């Protein structure tokens, strides 16, 4: 069984970015432009297969554009967690 602390925080943040970006009605390109990164960078973050590395500054910028708190971007979806374990 996987413990909560074993959840990859980068993957969890990536899922939450995609979730809140979609809720905000923004495309990957629009989010990328708003935070000053490439569309490819956002695509890689949100990709299920891509390697995820991003800075705290990037997450801060995303949170401001999406009007979502940092804790929401790092929040573990318990339903998703149950699927992993």
PDB file of N, CA and C in Angstrom:
ATOM      1  N   UNK A   1       0.842  -1.194   0.000  1.00  0.00           N
ATOM      2  CA  UNK A   1       0.000   0.000   0.000  1.00  0.00           C
ATOM      3  C   UNK A   1       0.879   1.247   0.000  1.00  0.00           C
ATOM      4  N   UNK A   2       0.487   2.238  -0.751  1.00  0.00           N
ATOM      5  CA  UNK A   2       1.222   3.491  -0.852  1.00  0.00           C
ATOM      6  C   UNK A   2       0.811   4.407   0.290  1.00  0.00           C
ATOM      7  N   UNK A   3       1.803   4.986   0.967  1.00  0.00           N
ATOM      8  CA  UNK A   3       1.527   5.967   2.022  1.00  0.00           C
ATOM      9  C   UNK A   3       1.342   7.337   1.388  1.00  0.00           C
ATOM     10  N   UNK A   4       0.586   8.197   2.063  1.00  0.00           N
ATOM     11  CA  UNK A   4       0.312   9.534   1.516  1.00  0.00           C
ATOM     12  C   UNK A   4       1.596  10.283   1.176  1.00  0.00           C
ATOM     13  N   UNK A   5       2.633  10.102   1.996  1.00  0.00           N
ATOM     14  CA  UNK A   5       3.869  10.826   1.734  1.00  0.00           C
ATOM     15  C   UNK A   5       4.637  10.262   0.539  1.00  0.00           C
ATOM     16  N   UNK A   6       4.209   9.115   0.026  1.00  0.00           N
ATOM     17  CA  UNK A   6       4.827   8.538  -1.160  1.00  0.00           C
ATOM     18  C   UNK A   6       4.267   9.120  -2.458  1.00  0.00           C
ATOM     19  N   UNK A   7       3.214   9.885  -2.374  1.00  0.00           N
ATOM     20  CA  UNK A   7       2.635  10.497  -3.562  1.00  0.00           C
ATOM     21  C   UNK A   7       3.641  11.493  -4.132  1.00  0.00           C
ATOM     22  N   UNK A   8       3.880  11.411  -5.418  1.00  0.00           N
ATOM     23  CA  UNK A   8       4.809  12.330  -6.072  1.00  0.00           C
ATOM     24  C   UNK A   8       4.164  13.715  -6.138  1.00  0.00           C
ATOM     25  N   UNK A   9       4.721  14.659  -5.399  1.00  0.00           N
ATOM     26  CA  UNK A   9       4.114  15.990  -5.305  1.00  0.00           C
ATOM     27  C   UNK A   9       4.116  16.694  -6.656  1.00  0.00           C
ATOM     28  N   UNK A  10       5.127  16.458  -7.480  1.00  0.00           N
ATOM     29  CA  UNK A  10       5.151  17.077  -8.800  1.00  0.00           C
ATOM     30  C   UNK A  10       3.973  16.600  -9.646  1.00  0.00           C
ATOM     31  N   UNK A  11       3.706  15.297  -9.597  1.00  0.00           N
ATOM     32  CA  UNK A  11       2.579  14.764 -10.360  1.00  0.00           C
ATOM     33  C   UNK A  11       1.251  15.274  -9.817  1.00  0.00           C
ATOM     34  N   UNK A  12       1.143  15.380  -8.500  1.00  0.00           N
ATOM     35  CA  UNK A  12      -0.092  15.880  -7.897  1.00  0.00           C
ATOM     36  C   UNK A  12      -0.321  17.340  -8.274  1.00  0.00           C
ATOM     37  N   UNK A  13       0.713  18.144  -8.197  1.00  0.00           N
ATOM     38  CA  UNK A  13       0.592  19.558  -8.576  1.00  0.00           C
ATOM     39  C   UNK A  13       0.241  19.658 -10.054  1.00  0.00           C
ATOM     40  N   UNK A  14       0.847  18.845 -10.878  1.00  0.00           N
ATOM     41  CA  UNK A  14       0.552  18.858 -12.315  1.00  0.00           C
ATOM     42  C   UNK A  14      -0.918  18.551 -12.578  1.00  0.00           C
ATOM     43  N   UNK A  15      -1.459  17.533 -11.894  1.00  0.00           N
ATOM     44  CA  UNK A  15      -2.886  17.204 -12.071  1.00  0.00           C
ATOM     45  C   UNK A  15      -3.759  18.379 -11.635  1.00  0.00           C
ATOM     46  N   UNK A  16      -3.369  19.018 -10.542  1.00  0.00           N
ATOM     47  CA  UNK A  16      -4.162  20.142 -10.046  1.00  0.00           C
ATOM     48  C   UNK A  16      -4.064  21.359 -10.956  1.00  0.00           C
ATOM     49  N   UNK A  17      -2.896  21.602 -11.534  1.00  0.00           N
ATOM     50  CA  UNK A  17      -2.768  22.701 -12.494  1.00  0.00           C
ATOM     51  C   UNK A  17      -3.733  22.478 -13.655  1.00  0.00           C
ATOM     52  N   UNK A  18      -3.721  21.276 -14.193  1.00  0.00           N
ATOM     53  CA  UNK A  18      -4.618  20.973 -15.316  1.00  0.00           C
ATOM     54  C   UNK A  18      -6.079  21.152 -14.905  1.00  0.00           C
ATOM     55  N   UNK A  19      -6.424  20.633 -13.739  1.00  0.00           N
ATOM     56  CA  UNK A  19      -7.805  20.737 -13.245  1.00  0.00           C
ATOM     57  C   UNK A  19      -8.245  22.203 -13.140  1.00  0.00           C
ATOM     58  N   UNK A  20      -7.446  22.999 -12.457  1.00  0.00           N
ATOM     59  CA  UNK A  20      -7.846  24.398 -12.239  1.00  0.00           C
ATOM     60  C   UNK A  20      -7.707  25.247 -13.506  1.00  0.00           C
ATOM     61  N   UNK A  21      -6.785  24.884 -14.391  1.00  0.00           N
ATOM     62  CA  UNK A  21      -6.681  25.588 -15.673  1.00  0.00           C
ATOM     63  C   UNK A  21      -7.948  25.352 -16.479  1.00  0.00           C
ATOM     64  N   UNK A  22      -8.400  24.102 -16.518  1.00  0.00           N
ATOM     65  CA  UNK A  22      -9.635  23.782 -17.241  1.00  0.00           C
ATOM     66  C   UNK A  22     -10.834  24.493 -16.618  1.00  0.00           C
ATOM     67  N   UNK A  23     -10.902  24.509 -15.287  1.00  0.00           N
ATOM     68  CA  UNK A  23     -11.998  25.210 -14.616  1.00  0.00           C
ATOM     69  C   UNK A  23     -11.992  26.710 -14.936  1.00  0.00           C
ATOM     70  N   UNK A  24     -10.803  27.271 -15.130  1.00  0.00           N
ATOM     71  CA  UNK A  24     -10.686  28.692 -15.457  1.00  0.00           C
ATOM     72  C   UNK A  24     -10.964  28.962 -16.931  1.00  0.00           C
ATOM     73  N   UNK A  25     -11.078  27.892 -17.717  1.00  0.00           N
ATOM     74  CA  UNK A  25     -11.355  28.057 -19.142  1.00  0.00           C
ATOM     75  C   UNK A  25     -10.156  28.534 -19.938  1.00  0.00           C
ATOM     76  N   UNK A  26      -8.957  28.242 -19.456  1.00  0.00           N
ATOM     77  CA  UNK A  26      -7.739  28.661 -20.153  1.00  0.00           C
ATOM     78  C   UNK A  26      -7.130  27.484 -20.905  1.00  0.00           C
ATOM     79  N   UNK A  27      -6.536  27.774 -22.029  1.00  0.00           N
ATOM     80  CA  UNK A  27      -5.763  26.760 -22.744  1.00  0.00           C
ATOM     81  C   UNK A  27      -4.362  26.713 -22.142  1.00  0.00           C
ATOM     82  N   UNK A  28      -3.630  25.675 -22.487  1.00  0.00           N
ATOM     83  CA  UNK A  28      -2.238  25.599 -22.048  1.00  0.00           C
ATOM     84  C   UNK A  28      -1.451  26.803 -22.564  1.00  0.00           C
ATOM     85  N   UNK A  29      -1.710  27.181 -23.802  1.00  0.00           N
ATOM     86  CA  UNK A  29      -1.002  28.318 -24.401  1.00  0.00           C
ATOM     87  C   UNK A  29      -1.317  29.619 -23.667  1.00  0.00           C
ATOM     88  N   UNK A  30      -2.566  29.804 -23.291  1.00  0.00           N
ATOM     89  CA  UNK A  30      -2.944  31.030 -22.569  1.00  0.00           C
ATOM     90  C   UNK A  30      -2.291  31.087 -21.190  1.00  0.00           C
ATOM     91  N   UNK A  31      -2.276  29.956 -20.493  1.00  0.00           N
ATOM     92  CA  UNK A  31      -1.618  29.924 -19.188  1.00  0.00           C
ATOM     93  C   UNK A  31      -0.131  30.180 -19.346  1.00  0.00           C
ATOM     94  N   UNK A  32       0.479  29.549 -20.326  1.00  0.00           N
ATOM     95  CA  UNK A  32       1.910  29.737 -20.571  1.00  0.00           C
ATOM     96  C   UNK A  32       2.243  31.203 -20.820  1.00  0.00           C
ATOM     97  N   UNK A  33       1.461  31.837 -21.675  1.00  0.00           N
ATOM     98  CA  UNK A  33       1.703  33.250 -21.982  1.00  0.00           C
ATOM     99  C   UNK A  33       1.548  34.117 -20.723  1.00  0.00           C
ATOM    100  N   UNK A  34       0.549  33.821 -19.930  1.00  0.00           N
ATOM    101  CA  UNK A  34       0.276  34.620 -18.732  1.00  0.00           C
ATOM    102  C   UNK A  34       1.398  34.535 -17.702  1.00  0.00           C
ATOM    103  N   UNK A  35       2.090  33.387 -17.646  1.00  0.00           N
ATOM    104  CA  UNK A  35       3.160  33.261 -16.649  1.00  0.00           C
ATOM    105  C   UNK A  35       4.551  33.381 -17.263  1.00  0.00           C
ATOM    106  N   UNK A  36       4.616  33.590 -18.567  1.00  0.00           N
ATOM    107  CA  UNK A  36       5.901  33.844 -19.214  1.00  0.00           C
ATOM    108  C   UNK A  36       6.760  32.617 -19.474  1.00  0.00           C
ATOM    109  N   UNK A  37       6.103  31.497 -19.786  1.00  0.00           N
ATOM    110  CA  UNK A  37       6.826  30.288 -20.169  1.00  0.00           C
ATOM    111  C   UNK A  37       6.289  29.807 -21.507  1.00  0.00           C
ATOM    112  N   UNK A  38       6.925  28.795 -22.058  1.00  0.00           N
ATOM    113  CA  UNK A  38       6.464  28.273 -23.347  1.00  0.00           C
ATOM    114  C   UNK A  38       5.260  27.359 -23.174  1.00  0.00           C
ATOM    115  N   UNK A  39       4.495  27.259 -24.241  1.00  0.00           N
ATOM    116  CA  UNK A  39       3.371  26.327 -24.265  1.00  0.00           C
ATOM    117  C   UNK A  39       3.881  24.911 -24.035  1.00  0.00           C
ATOM    118  N   UNK A  40       5.025  24.588 -24.612  1.00  0.00           N
ATOM    119  CA  UNK A  40       5.627  23.264 -24.458  1.00  0.00           C
ATOM    120  C   UNK A  40       5.919  22.960 -22.983  1.00  0.00           C
ATOM    121  N   UNK A  41       6.346  23.957 -22.232  1.00  0.00           N
ATOM    122  CA  UNK A  41       6.640  23.776 -20.814  1.00  0.00           C
ATOM    123  C   UNK A  41       5.373  23.376 -20.060  1.00  0.00           C
ATOM    124  N   UNK A  42       4.265  24.048 -20.311  1.00  0.00           N
ATOM    125  CA  UNK A  42       2.992  23.705 -19.655  1.00  0.00           C
ATOM    126  C   UNK A  42       2.526  22.330 -20.115  1.00  0.00           C
ATOM    127  N   UNK A  43       2.686  22.038 -21.383  1.00  0.00           N
ATOM    128  CA  UNK A  43       2.298  20.721 -21.897  1.00  0.00           C
ATOM    129  C   UNK A  43       3.073  19.623 -21.176  1.00  0.00           C
ATOM    130  N   UNK A  44       4.383  19.829 -20.994  1.00  0.00           N
ATOM    131  CA  UNK A  44       5.207  18.832 -20.300  1.00  0.00           C
ATOM    132  C   UNK A  44       4.788  18.680 -18.842  1.00  0.00           C
ATOM    133  N   UNK A  45       4.478  19.788 -18.184  1.00  0.00           N
ATOM    134  CA  UNK A  45       4.039  19.716 -16.789  1.00  0.00           C
ATOM    135  C   UNK A  45       2.783  18.863 -16.682  1.00  0.00           C
ATOM    136  N   UNK A  46       1.830  19.106 -17.565  1.00  0.00           N
ATOM    137  CA  UNK A  46       0.539  18.415 -17.480  1.00  0.00           C
ATOM    138  C   UNK A  46       0.554  17.002 -18.052  1.00  0.00           C
ATOM    139  N   UNK A  47       1.571  16.658 -18.813  1.00  0.00           N
ATOM    140  CA  UNK A  47       1.648  15.342 -19.424  1.00  0.00           C
ATOM    141  C   UNK A  47       1.780  14.261 -18.358  1.00  0.00           C
ATOM    142  N   UNK A  48       1.062  13.163 -18.538  1.00  0.00           N
ATOM    143  CA  UNK A  48       1.149  12.051 -17.594  1.00  0.00           C
ATOM    144  C   UNK A  48       2.483  11.322 -17.720  1.00  0.00           C
ATOM    145  N   UNK A  49       3.112  11.430 -18.882  1.00  0.00           N
ATOM    146  CA  UNK A  49       4.361  10.709 -19.120  1.00  0.00           C
ATOM    147  C   UNK A  49       5.593  11.587 -18.974  1.00  0.00           C
ATOM    148  N   UNK A  50       5.436  12.882 -19.055  1.00  0.00           N
ATOM    149  CA  UNK A  50       6.582  13.778 -19.049  1.00  0.00           C
ATOM    150  C   UNK A  50       7.244  13.915 -17.687  1.00  0.00           C
ATOM    151  N   UNK A  51       8.535  14.186 -17.715  1.00  0.00           N
ATOM    152  CA  UNK A  51       9.266  14.455 -16.478  1.00  0.00           C
ATOM    153  C   UNK A  51       8.815  15.807 -15.964  1.00  0.00           C
ATOM    154  N   UNK A  52       8.552  15.872 -14.676  1.00  0.00           N
ATOM    155  CA  UNK A  52       8.018  17.099 -14.106  1.00  0.00           C
ATOM    156  C   UNK A  52       9.041  17.748 -13.195  1.00  0.00           C
ATOM    157  N   UNK A  53       9.492  18.889 -13.592  1.00  0.00           N
ATOM    158  CA  UNK A  53      10.323  19.723 -12.731  1.00  0.00           C
ATOM    159  C   UNK A  53       9.887  21.153 -12.972  1.00  0.00           C
ATOM    160  N   UNK A  54       9.630  21.835 -11.901  1.00  0.00           N
ATOM    161  CA  UNK A  54       9.268  23.235 -12.006  1.00  0.00           C
ATOM    162  C   UNK A  54       9.607  23.914 -10.695  1.00  0.00           C
ATOM    163  N   UNK A  55       9.797  25.191 -10.772  1.00  0.00           N
ATOM    164  CA  UNK A  55      10.209  25.936  -9.589  1.00  0.00           C
ATOM    165  C   UNK A  55       9.005  26.376  -8.764  1.00  0.00           C
ATOM    166  N   UNK A  56       9.301  26.713  -7.533  1.00  0.00           N
ATOM    167  CA  UNK A  56       8.269  27.267  -6.663  1.00  0.00           C
ATOM    168  C   UNK A  56       7.737  28.561  -7.264  1.00  0.00           C
ATOM    169  N   UNK A  57       8.618  29.352  -7.882  1.00  0.00           N
ATOM    170  CA  UNK A  57       8.189  30.602  -8.526  1.00  0.00           C
ATOM    171  C   UNK A  57       7.162  30.319  -9.622  1.00  0.00           C
ATOM    172  N   UNK A  58       7.383  29.279 -10.402  1.00  0.00           N
ATOM    173  CA  UNK A  58       6.430  28.911 -11.451  1.00  0.00           C
ATOM    174  C   UNK A  58       5.075  28.572 -10.852  1.00  0.00           C
ATOM    175  N   UNK A  59       5.075  27.778  -9.789  1.00  0.00           N
ATOM    176  CA  UNK A  59       3.817  27.395  -9.146  1.00  0.00           C
ATOM    177  C   UNK A  59       3.134  28.620  -8.552  1.00  0.00           C
ATOM    178  N   UNK A  60       3.905  29.515  -7.974  1.00  0.00           N
ATOM    179  CA  UNK A  60       3.361  30.772  -7.444  1.00  0.00           C
ATOM    180  C   UNK A  60       2.681  31.560  -8.564  1.00  0.00           C
ATOM    181  N   UNK A  61       3.353  31.677  -9.712  1.00  0.00           N
ATOM    182  CA  UNK A  61       2.795  32.412 -10.846  1.00  0.00           C
ATOM    183  C   UNK A  61       1.517  31.753 -11.361  1.00  0.00           C
ATOM    184  N   UNK A  62       1.523  30.433 -11.441  1.00  0.00           N
ATOM    185  CA  UNK A  62       0.327  29.698 -11.880  1.00  0.00           C
ATOM    186  C   UNK A  62      -0.814  29.965 -10.909  1.00  0.00           C
ATOM    187  N   UNK A  63      -0.525  29.915  -9.622  1.00  0.00           N
ATOM    188  CA  UNK A  63      -1.585  30.116  -8.622  1.00  0.00           C
ATOM    189  C   UNK A  63      -2.219  31.492  -8.761  1.00  0.00           C
ATOM    190  N   UNK A  64      -1.417  32.491  -9.062  1.00  0.00           N
ATOM    191  CA  UNK A  64      -1.943  33.854  -9.219  1.00  0.00           C
ATOM    192  C   UNK A  64      -2.822  33.956 -10.466  1.00  0.00           C
ATOM    193  N   UNK A  65      -2.356  33.399 -11.570  1.00  0.00           N
ATOM    194  CA  UNK A  65      -3.126  33.466 -12.821  1.00  0.00           C
ATOM    195  C   UNK A  65      -4.438  32.697 -12.695  1.00  0.00           C
ATOM    196  N   UNK A  66      -4.387  31.533 -12.054  1.00  0.00           N
ATOM    197  CA  UNK A  66      -5.592  30.710 -11.921  1.00  0.00           C
ATOM    198  C   UNK A  66      -6.453  31.116 -10.732  1.00  0.00           C
ATOM    199  N   UNK A  67      -5.950  32.050  -9.936  1.00  0.00           N
ATOM    200  CA  UNK A  67      -6.664  32.518  -8.739  1.00  0.00           C
ATOM    201  C   UNK A  67      -6.975  31.347  -7.805  1.00  0.00           C
ATOM    202  N   UNK A  68      -5.937  30.531  -7.582  1.00  0.00           N
ATOM    203  CA  UNK A  68      -6.036  29.344  -6.734  1.00  0.00           C
ATOM    204  C   UNK A  68      -4.889  29.412  -5.725  1.00  0.00           C
ATOM    205  N   UNK A  69      -5.179  29.094  -4.480  1.00  0.00           N
ATOM    206  CA  UNK A  69      -4.143  29.132  -3.457  1.00  0.00           C
ATOM    207  C   UNK A  69      -3.115  28.019  -3.675  1.00  0.00           C
ATOM    208  N   UNK A  70      -1.922  28.240  -3.151  1.00  0.00           N
ATOM    209  CA  UNK A  70      -0.864  27.243  -3.272  1.00  0.00           C
ATOM    210  C   UNK A  70      -1.270  25.912  -2.646  1.00  0.00           C
ATOM    211  N   UNK A  71      -1.981  25.972  -1.540  1.00  0.00           N
ATOM    212  CA  UNK A  71      -2.386  24.715  -0.903  1.00  0.00           C
ATOM    213  C   UNK A  71      -3.341  23.926  -1.790  1.00  0.00           C
ATOM    214  N   UNK A  72      -4.155  24.599  -2.575  1.00  0.00           N
ATOM    215  CA  UNK A  72      -5.049  23.894  -3.504  1.00  0.00           C
ATOM    216  C   UNK A  72      -4.246  23.210  -4.610  1.00  0.00           C
ATOM    217  N   UNK A  73      -3.168  23.852  -5.058  1.00  0.00           N
ATOM    218  CA  UNK A  73      -2.346  23.242  -6.106  1.00  0.00           C
ATOM    219  C   UNK A  73      -1.595  22.020  -5.582  1.00  0.00           C
ATOM    220  N   UNK A  74      -1.323  21.978  -4.284  1.00  0.00           N
ATOM    221  CA  UNK A  74      -0.607  20.847  -3.704  1.00  0.00           C
ATOM    222  C   UNK A  74      -1.537  19.823  -3.062  1.00  0.00           C
ATOM    223  N   UNK A  75      -2.818  20.087  -3.072  1.00  0.00           N
ATOM    224  CA  UNK A  75      -3.787  19.223  -2.408  1.00  0.00           C
ATOM    225  C   UNK A  75      -3.841  17.837  -3.051  1.00  0.00           C
ATOM    226  N   UNK A  76      -3.860  16.832  -2.207  1.00  0.00           N
ATOM    227  CA  UNK A  76      -3.958  15.455  -2.682  1.00  0.00           C
ATOM    228  C   UNK A  76      -5.423  15.082  -2.790  1.00  0.00           C
ATOM    229  N   UNK A  77      -5.826  14.675  -3.980  1.00  0.00           N
ATOM    230  CA  UNK A  77      -7.190  14.221  -4.233  1.00  0.00           C
ATOM    231  C   UNK A  77      -7.314  12.809  -3.658  1.00  0.00           C
ATOM    232  N   UNK A  78      -8.101  12.647  -2.604  1.00  0.00           N
ATOM    233  CA  UNK A  78      -8.198  11.353  -1.932  1.00  0.00           C
ATOM    234  C   UNK A  78      -8.727  10.258  -2.847  1.00  0.00           C
ATOM    235  N   UNK A  79      -9.642  10.584  -3.752  1.00  0.00           N
ATOM    236  CA  UNK A  79     -10.143   9.584  -4.698  1.00  0.00           C
ATOM    237  C   UNK A  79      -9.017   9.129  -5.626  1.00  0.00           C
ATOM    238  N   UNK A  80      -8.230  10.098  -6.098  1.00  0.00           N
ATOM    239  CA  UNK A  80      -7.093   9.789  -6.959  1.00  0.00           C
ATOM    240  C   UNK A  80      -6.065   8.957  -6.190  1.00  0.00           C
ATOM    241  N   UNK A  81      -5.829   9.316  -4.943  1.00  0.00           N
ATOM    242  CA  UNK A  81      -4.877   8.605  -4.092  1.00  0.00           C
ATOM    243  C   UNK A  81      -5.296   7.150  -3.919  1.00  0.00           C
ATOM    244  N   UNK A  82      -6.572   6.915  -3.726  1.00  0.00           N
ATOM    245  CA  UNK A  82      -7.063   5.542  -3.536  1.00  0.00           C
ATOM    246  C   UNK A  82      -6.818   4.699  -4.783  1.00  0.00           C
ATOM    247  N   UNK A  83      -6.891   5.330  -5.965  1.00  0.00           N
ATOM    248  CA  UNK A  83      -6.624   4.597  -7.212  1.00  0.00           C
ATOM    249  C   UNK A  83      -5.162   4.189  -7.294  1.00  0.00           C
ATOM    250  N   UNK A  84      -4.270   5.004  -6.700  1.00  0.00           N
ATOM    251  CA  UNK A  84      -2.835   4.715  -6.752  1.00  0.00           C
ATOM    252  C   UNK A  84      -2.431   3.595  -5.807  1.00  0.00           C
ATOM    253  N   UNK A  85      -3.193   3.419  -4.731  1.00  0.00           N
ATOM    254  CA  UNK A  85      -2.774   2.433  -3.728  1.00  0.00           C
ATOM    255  C   UNK A  85      -3.338   1.056  -3.972  1.00  0.00           C
TER     256      UNK A  85
END
